[in-house]
Amino acid sequence: MSASELTYPANMFHLANRIPSEGKTMTPTEIMRDLARDDIFPKTAMAGAGTRREEMAPVFVDLVTRLAHQPIPAMKDADLMAFIPIFHMLGEWQDPRAYRPLVQMLRRPTKVIDHLLGDAVTETSFRVIAGTFDGDLQPVCDAIEDRKADEFARLSLMNALVLIAQLHHAERPVIENYFRTFRQRCPKAPVDLLTGWMDAIAALGLEDMSEAVREVFDQGLIPKEYCDFGHFLEGLEASLNEGVSPANRRYQKALITNAIDELSKWHCYTDEFLIQQKTRKVDNALRVAPWTEALTKTPDKLGRNDPCPCGSGKKFKKCCLH
C-alpha cells in the first residue's frame, strides 16, 4: 500500500475508544486512525507502526512533507494530532528518507513551528535530525543560515550538527570547520544562536576557538544574564577531559531509541491531561508543550518567545518554561 493510497478521516475526535486487543495486528489505517486521536496516548498504534515499519515509513514521510509546506489553516486536526508521535518514531527508526523533509519543516516561520512542534523544537528535534541524517550536511547548514527561520529551530539544528559529529566521525572535521567559520557566515546571528555556537564549540572541544568566543563576550553580543566566558571555559575543559558539562550534557541522551518511552514523559499524554480532555478542548499550542503546567501558571497571553516573567532576561521557552 502506497502513501497516496492510505487515507484516514480528517476528524477522529468522536470515534469510540477502540483500541486493538493485545496481540492483534493493526492495519495501517487503524494505526493512522489511533495516532490521530486526541483522547489517548497512542502507544498501541506506535507499537503497531513499529511492526509495519516498511509500510508506515513512506506514509509518515509523506505527512511530514505536506506539513512542511502547508499554511496553518490548511492543516488537518488529524495530521496535527498524529504528527508528534510520527516525528519521534522517525527519529527512533533513523529513516534517512525523512531527513530532508524534516529539515525543510524546521525552516518554517516561528508561528508554524510552534504550532507543529512546540517544545519539541528545542528538546528533541536535534536528536530526530541527527537520527535521520542521510550523509549530506548541506541542508542543515543552509537552514542554520536562513534568517527567516525560527531562531530556536536554527539553534536546534546546530545541536544536531554536534550530535552528528559525535556519531559520525568522518563528518567531524567538516562540522568543526563549519563552527570555526560560522561568524563569517552569519555575522548578525541573534543572541540565542550565538549562545548555541559557543556551546557547540565547547561541546566539540575546539580549544583553538577560545579567543574568538572571548571576543563575542567582550563585544557584549552574549549578555551576562545568559552566561559568561567562565561558563564557556568550564564546558570546554569538561569536553577536553571527556567530562559532562552543561554544554555537552544534552548530548548524553544521544539518539531517540524508544519513541513511546520518550513521549510517555509529555504532559499531554498523561492520564491527568486526557481526563481533562473529556470535559474541554485545548488548542494545539498546549498539546505540543510537554510541560503544559508551566503555561497555565503564567500571565495570560505569555508566548514562548516572550521575555520570561522571572526577570532573567531570557526568553520564556529558554528559561522557566523548562
Protein backbone atom coordinates (compact mmCIF):
# COMPACT_ATOMS: atom_id res chain seq x y z
CA MET A 1 0.00 0.00 0.00
CA SER A 2 1.48 3.33 -1.03
CA ALA A 3 1.38 6.55 0.92
CA SER A 4 -1.03 8.04 -1.59
CA GLU A 5 -3.39 5.06 -1.22
CA LEU A 6 -3.55 5.21 2.55
CA THR A 7 -6.22 7.64 3.75
CA TYR A 8 -7.84 8.27 7.10
CA PRO A 9 -10.60 10.59 8.34
CA ALA A 10 -9.69 14.21 8.97
CA ASN A 11 -11.67 14.34 12.23
CA MET A 12 -11.08 11.42 14.58
CA PHE A 13 -12.21 13.01 17.81
CA HIS A 14 -15.65 11.43 18.25
CA LEU A 15 -14.80 7.83 17.44
CA ALA A 16 -15.47 5.20 20.07
CA ASN A 17 -12.46 4.27 22.17
CA ARG A 18 -11.50 1.31 20.05
CA ILE A 19 -8.04 0.04 20.92
CA PRO A 20 -6.99 -3.30 19.40
CA SER A 21 -6.66 -6.07 21.94
CA GLU A 22 -3.20 -7.21 22.99
CA GLY A 23 -1.57 -9.28 20.28
CA LYS A 24 -3.85 -8.16 17.46
CA THR A 25 -2.02 -6.78 14.44
CA MET A 26 -3.18 -3.28 13.49
CA THR A 27 -3.72 -2.33 9.88
CA PRO A 28 -2.07 0.85 8.50
CA THR A 29 -5.46 2.58 8.50
CA GLU A 30 -6.06 1.61 12.14
CA ILE A 31 -2.60 2.87 13.06
CA MET A 32 -3.18 6.26 11.46
CA ARG A 33 -6.66 6.46 12.99
CA ASP A 34 -5.35 5.98 16.52
CA LEU A 35 -2.29 8.19 16.06
CA ALA A 36 -4.73 10.97 15.15
CA ARG A 37 -6.88 10.58 18.28
CA ASP A 38 -6.71 13.21 20.98
CA ASP A 39 -8.20 11.12 23.80
CA ILE A 40 -5.47 8.50 24.25
CA PHE A 41 -1.73 8.10 24.44
CA PRO A 42 -1.40 6.16 21.14
CA LYS A 43 1.29 3.75 22.32
CA THR A 44 -0.56 0.75 20.89
CA ALA A 45 -0.64 2.40 17.47
CA MET A 46 3.02 3.41 17.81
CA ALA A 47 3.96 -0.16 18.66
CA GLY A 48 1.85 -1.36 15.75
CA ALA A 49 3.61 1.03 13.40
CA GLY A 50 6.93 -0.40 14.57
CA THR A 51 5.88 -3.85 13.41
CA ARG A 52 4.95 -2.47 9.95
CA ARG A 53 7.83 -0.10 9.55
CA GLU A 54 8.35 -0.65 5.82
CA GLU A 55 4.72 0.17 5.11
CA MET A 56 4.38 3.06 7.52
CA ALA A 57 7.64 4.96 6.94
CA PRO A 58 6.63 6.28 3.48
CA VAL A 59 3.24 7.32 4.88
CA PHE A 60 4.96 9.18 7.72
CA VAL A 61 7.42 10.90 5.38
CA ASP A 62 4.53 11.94 3.13
CA LEU A 63 2.80 13.56 6.14
CA VAL A 64 5.99 15.45 7.10
CA THR A 65 6.42 16.63 3.51
CA ARG A 66 2.87 18.00 3.41
CA LEU A 67 3.16 19.75 6.77
CA ALA A 68 6.49 21.25 5.74
CA HIS A 69 4.68 23.30 3.10
CA GLN A 70 1.06 23.78 4.21
CA PRO A 71 -0.19 27.02 5.81
CA ILE A 72 -1.70 26.54 9.27
CA PRO A 73 -5.35 26.95 8.13
CA ALA A 74 -4.88 24.08 5.66
CA MET A 75 -3.55 21.67 8.29
CA LYS A 76 -5.99 18.98 9.34
CA ASP A 77 -6.56 18.25 13.02
CA ALA A 78 -5.81 14.57 12.40
CA ASP A 79 -2.45 15.42 10.85
CA LEU A 80 -1.53 17.64 13.79
CA MET A 81 -2.50 15.01 16.37
CA ALA A 82 -0.57 12.28 14.55
CA PHE A 83 2.49 14.37 13.84
CA ILE A 84 4.22 14.41 17.24
CA PRO A 85 4.25 10.59 17.58
CA ILE A 86 5.29 10.27 13.94
CA PHE A 87 8.06 12.84 14.35
CA HIS A 88 9.61 10.88 17.20
CA MET A 89 9.09 7.47 15.58
CA LEU A 90 11.01 8.65 12.52
CA GLY A 91 13.82 9.64 14.86
CA GLU A 92 13.75 6.22 16.51
CA TRP A 93 13.66 4.42 13.15
CA GLN A 94 16.57 6.52 11.84
CA ASP A 95 14.98 6.64 8.40
CA PRO A 96 17.10 8.87 6.11
CA ARG A 97 14.12 9.47 3.79
CA ALA A 98 12.71 11.75 6.47
CA TYR A 99 15.85 13.87 6.85
CA ARG A 100 15.29 16.49 4.15
CA PRO A 101 11.54 16.96 4.72
CA LEU A 102 12.21 17.37 8.46
CA VAL A 103 14.96 19.93 7.90
CA GLN A 104 12.69 21.79 5.49
CA MET A 105 9.98 21.85 8.14
CA LEU A 106 12.38 23.37 10.65
CA ARG A 107 12.99 26.27 8.25
CA ARG A 108 9.39 27.41 8.57
CA PRO A 109 8.41 30.63 10.40
CA THR A 110 8.11 30.66 14.19
CA LYS A 111 4.28 30.65 14.22
CA VAL A 112 4.18 27.46 12.14
CA ILE A 113 6.99 25.76 14.05
CA ASP A 114 5.33 26.50 17.38
CA HIS A 115 2.03 25.12 16.09
CA LEU A 116 3.59 21.90 14.83
CA LEU A 117 6.29 21.10 17.34
CA GLY A 118 6.06 23.34 20.39
CA ASP A 119 8.83 22.47 22.83
CA ALA A 120 9.99 19.55 20.71
CA VAL A 121 11.83 22.21 18.67
CA THR A 122 14.42 22.64 21.41
CA GLU A 123 14.01 19.41 23.38
CA THR A 124 14.07 16.58 20.83
CA SER A 125 14.24 17.81 17.24
CA PHE A 126 18.06 17.84 17.16
CA ARG A 127 18.00 14.15 18.13
CA VAL A 128 15.47 13.37 15.41
CA ILE A 129 17.51 15.21 12.76
CA ALA A 130 20.74 13.50 13.83
CA GLY A 131 18.96 10.15 13.78
CA THR A 132 17.63 10.58 10.25
CA PHE A 133 20.86 12.13 8.86
CA ASP A 134 21.36 10.96 5.27
CA GLY A 135 25.05 11.84 4.91
CA ASP A 136 24.63 15.35 3.49
CA LEU A 137 25.30 18.21 5.91
CA GLN A 138 24.36 20.99 3.50
CA PRO A 139 20.58 21.04 4.19
CA VAL A 140 21.25 21.59 7.90
CA CYS A 141 23.89 24.25 7.28
CA ASP A 142 21.60 26.09 4.86
CA ALA A 143 18.77 26.04 7.42
CA ILE A 144 21.02 27.34 10.21
CA GLU A 145 21.95 30.29 8.00
CA ASP A 146 18.33 31.01 6.99
CA ARG A 147 17.50 34.29 8.73
CA LYS A 148 13.78 33.80 8.03
CA ALA A 149 13.73 30.56 10.02
CA ASP A 150 12.84 30.36 13.70
CA GLU A 151 15.96 31.06 15.76
CA PHE A 152 15.31 28.18 18.16
CA ALA A 153 14.93 25.79 15.22
CA ARG A 154 18.25 27.09 13.90
CA LEU A 155 19.76 26.55 17.34
CA SER A 156 18.43 23.00 17.45
CA LEU A 157 19.98 22.30 14.07
CA MET A 158 23.31 23.49 15.48
CA ASN A 159 22.83 20.94 18.24
CA ALA A 160 22.12 18.33 15.59
CA LEU A 161 25.48 19.07 13.97
CA VAL A 162 27.25 18.47 17.28
CA LEU A 163 25.46 15.16 17.75
CA ILE A 164 26.19 14.13 14.14
CA ALA A 165 29.88 14.94 14.73
CA GLN A 166 29.88 12.69 17.78
CA LEU A 167 28.13 9.85 15.96
CA HIS A 168 29.73 10.09 12.51
CA HIS A 169 33.45 10.63 12.95
CA ALA A 170 34.06 11.11 9.22
CA GLU A 171 31.83 14.21 9.33
CA ARG A 172 33.52 15.75 12.36
CA PRO A 173 36.27 17.74 10.54
CA VAL A 174 33.68 19.34 8.24
CA ILE A 175 31.42 20.21 11.18
CA GLU A 176 34.30 21.62 13.22
CA ASN A 177 35.29 23.81 10.28
CA TYR A 178 31.68 24.97 9.94
CA PHE A 179 31.67 26.23 13.53
CA ARG A 180 35.09 27.82 13.06
CA THR A 181 33.74 29.84 10.13
CA PHE A 182 30.23 30.43 11.45
CA ARG A 183 30.81 34.04 12.49
CA GLN A 184 31.83 34.87 8.91
CA ARG A 185 28.80 33.05 7.55
CA CYS A 186 26.34 34.69 9.97
CA PRO A 187 27.84 37.97 11.20
CA LYS A 188 24.45 39.16 12.52
CA ALA A 189 23.40 35.97 14.27
CA PRO A 190 20.87 36.54 17.11
CA VAL A 191 21.98 36.03 20.68
CA ASP A 192 20.41 32.58 21.11
CA LEU A 193 22.19 31.35 18.01
CA LEU A 194 25.48 32.82 19.24
CA THR A 195 24.98 31.06 22.54
CA GLY A 196 24.40 27.81 20.66
CA TRP A 197 27.56 28.43 18.64
CA MET A 198 29.52 28.95 21.87
CA ASP A 199 28.09 25.78 23.42
CA ALA A 200 28.86 23.79 20.26
CA ILE A 201 32.48 24.92 20.34
CA ALA A 202 32.71 23.88 23.99
CA ALA A 203 30.98 20.54 23.39
CA LEU A 204 33.30 19.74 20.46
CA GLY A 205 36.37 20.76 22.46
CA LEU A 206 37.56 23.35 19.93
CA GLU A 207 40.22 24.90 22.14
CA ASP A 208 41.63 26.99 19.29
CA MET A 209 38.34 28.95 19.19
CA SER A 210 38.63 30.28 22.75
CA GLU A 211 39.77 33.74 21.70
CA ALA A 212 37.01 34.04 19.12
CA VAL A 213 34.48 33.24 21.83
CA ARG A 214 36.12 35.71 24.22
CA GLU A 215 35.73 38.46 21.60
CA VAL A 216 31.99 37.78 21.40
CA PHE A 217 31.68 38.30 25.15
CA ASP A 218 33.95 41.36 25.08
CA GLN A 219 31.69 42.91 22.44
CA GLY A 220 28.61 42.24 24.61
CA LEU A 221 26.99 40.09 21.94
CA ILE A 222 26.08 37.47 24.56
CA PRO A 223 24.59 39.24 27.61
CA LYS A 224 25.90 38.39 31.07
CA GLU A 225 22.38 37.32 32.02
CA TYR A 226 22.81 34.38 29.65
CA CYS A 227 26.26 33.24 30.74
CA ASP A 228 29.84 34.44 30.84
CA PHE A 229 33.21 33.46 29.42
CA GLY A 230 33.95 31.39 32.50
CA HIS A 231 30.89 29.26 31.71
CA PHE A 232 32.34 28.58 28.28
CA LEU A 233 35.77 27.65 29.67
CA GLU A 234 34.22 25.22 32.15
CA GLY A 235 32.34 23.49 29.34
CA LEU A 236 35.39 23.40 27.11
CA GLU A 237 37.56 21.92 29.84
CA ALA A 238 34.97 19.25 30.63
CA SER A 239 34.81 18.26 26.96
CA LEU A 240 38.59 18.12 26.62
CA ASN A 241 38.70 15.91 29.72
CA GLU A 242 35.76 13.82 28.48
CA GLY A 243 33.58 15.10 31.30
CA VAL A 244 29.94 16.16 31.40
CA SER A 245 29.18 19.88 31.40
CA PRO A 246 26.08 21.98 30.67
CA ALA A 247 27.45 22.38 27.14
CA ASN A 248 27.50 18.67 26.39
CA ARG A 249 25.07 17.16 28.92
CA ARG A 250 22.19 17.41 26.45
CA TYR A 251 24.06 15.11 24.06
CA GLN A 252 24.32 12.32 26.62
CA LYS A 253 20.83 11.11 25.68
CA ALA A 254 22.07 10.71 22.11
CA LEU A 255 19.51 9.40 19.64
CA ILE A 256 15.90 8.54 20.33
CA THR A 257 15.78 4.78 20.87
CA ASN A 258 12.19 4.39 22.05
CA ALA A 259 9.60 6.93 20.96
CA ILE A 260 6.94 5.50 23.28
CA ASP A 261 9.16 5.97 26.33
CA GLU A 262 10.11 9.43 25.09
CA LEU A 263 6.52 10.64 24.78
CA SER A 264 5.35 8.98 27.98
CA LYS A 265 7.01 11.91 29.79
CA TRP A 266 4.91 14.52 27.94
CA HIS A 267 2.13 16.15 29.96
CA CYS A 268 -0.34 15.97 27.07
CA TYR A 269 -0.17 12.16 27.17
CA THR A 270 -0.69 11.79 30.93
CA ASP A 271 -3.90 10.44 32.43
CA GLU A 272 -4.48 13.82 34.09
CA PHE A 273 -4.43 15.68 30.78
CA LEU A 274 -6.53 13.09 28.94
CA ILE A 275 -9.18 13.21 31.66
CA GLN A 276 -9.35 16.99 31.23
CA GLN A 277 -9.81 16.40 27.51
CA LYS A 278 -13.14 14.72 28.20
CA THR A 279 -14.62 17.96 29.51
CA ARG A 280 -12.81 20.60 27.48
CA LYS A 281 -10.72 21.06 24.38
CA VAL A 282 -7.29 22.67 24.29
CA ASP A 283 -5.57 24.17 21.31
CA ASN A 284 -2.61 22.56 19.62
CA ALA A 285 -0.18 25.07 21.14
CA LEU A 286 -0.81 23.50 24.54
CA ARG A 287 -0.81 19.90 23.35
CA VAL A 288 2.70 20.21 21.89
CA ALA A 289 4.12 21.62 25.14
CA PRO A 290 5.34 18.72 27.31
CA TRP A 291 5.38 20.95 30.39
CA THR A 292 1.90 22.41 29.96
CA GLU A 293 1.60 23.20 33.69
CA ALA A 294 4.19 25.96 33.25
CA LEU A 295 1.97 27.66 30.71
CA THR A 296 -1.08 27.55 32.97
CA LYS A 297 0.75 29.28 35.81
CA THR A 298 1.98 32.27 33.82
CA PRO A 299 0.30 35.55 32.84
CA ASP A 300 -2.34 35.41 30.13
CA LYS A 301 -1.07 35.56 26.55
CA LEU A 302 2.57 34.95 27.55
CA GLY A 303 4.20 33.43 24.47
CA ARG A 304 7.11 31.02 24.38
CA ASN A 305 9.27 33.67 22.74
CA ASP A 306 8.32 36.47 25.18
CA PRO A 307 10.67 37.60 27.98
CA CYS A 308 10.47 35.24 30.95
CA PRO A 309 8.39 36.71 33.83
CA CYS A 310 11.09 35.67 36.33
CA GLY A 311 13.22 38.61 35.15
CA SER A 312 16.18 36.58 33.90
CA GLY A 313 16.29 38.46 30.59
CA LYS A 314 15.95 35.20 28.68
CA LYS A 315 13.01 34.17 26.55
CA PHE A 316 10.32 32.17 28.37
CA LYS A 317 10.97 28.97 26.39
CA LYS A 318 14.66 29.10 27.31
CA CYS A 319 14.05 29.72 31.00
CA CYS A 320 11.13 28.91 33.31
CA LEU A 321 9.16 27.04 30.64
CA HIS A 322 11.65 24.21 31.25
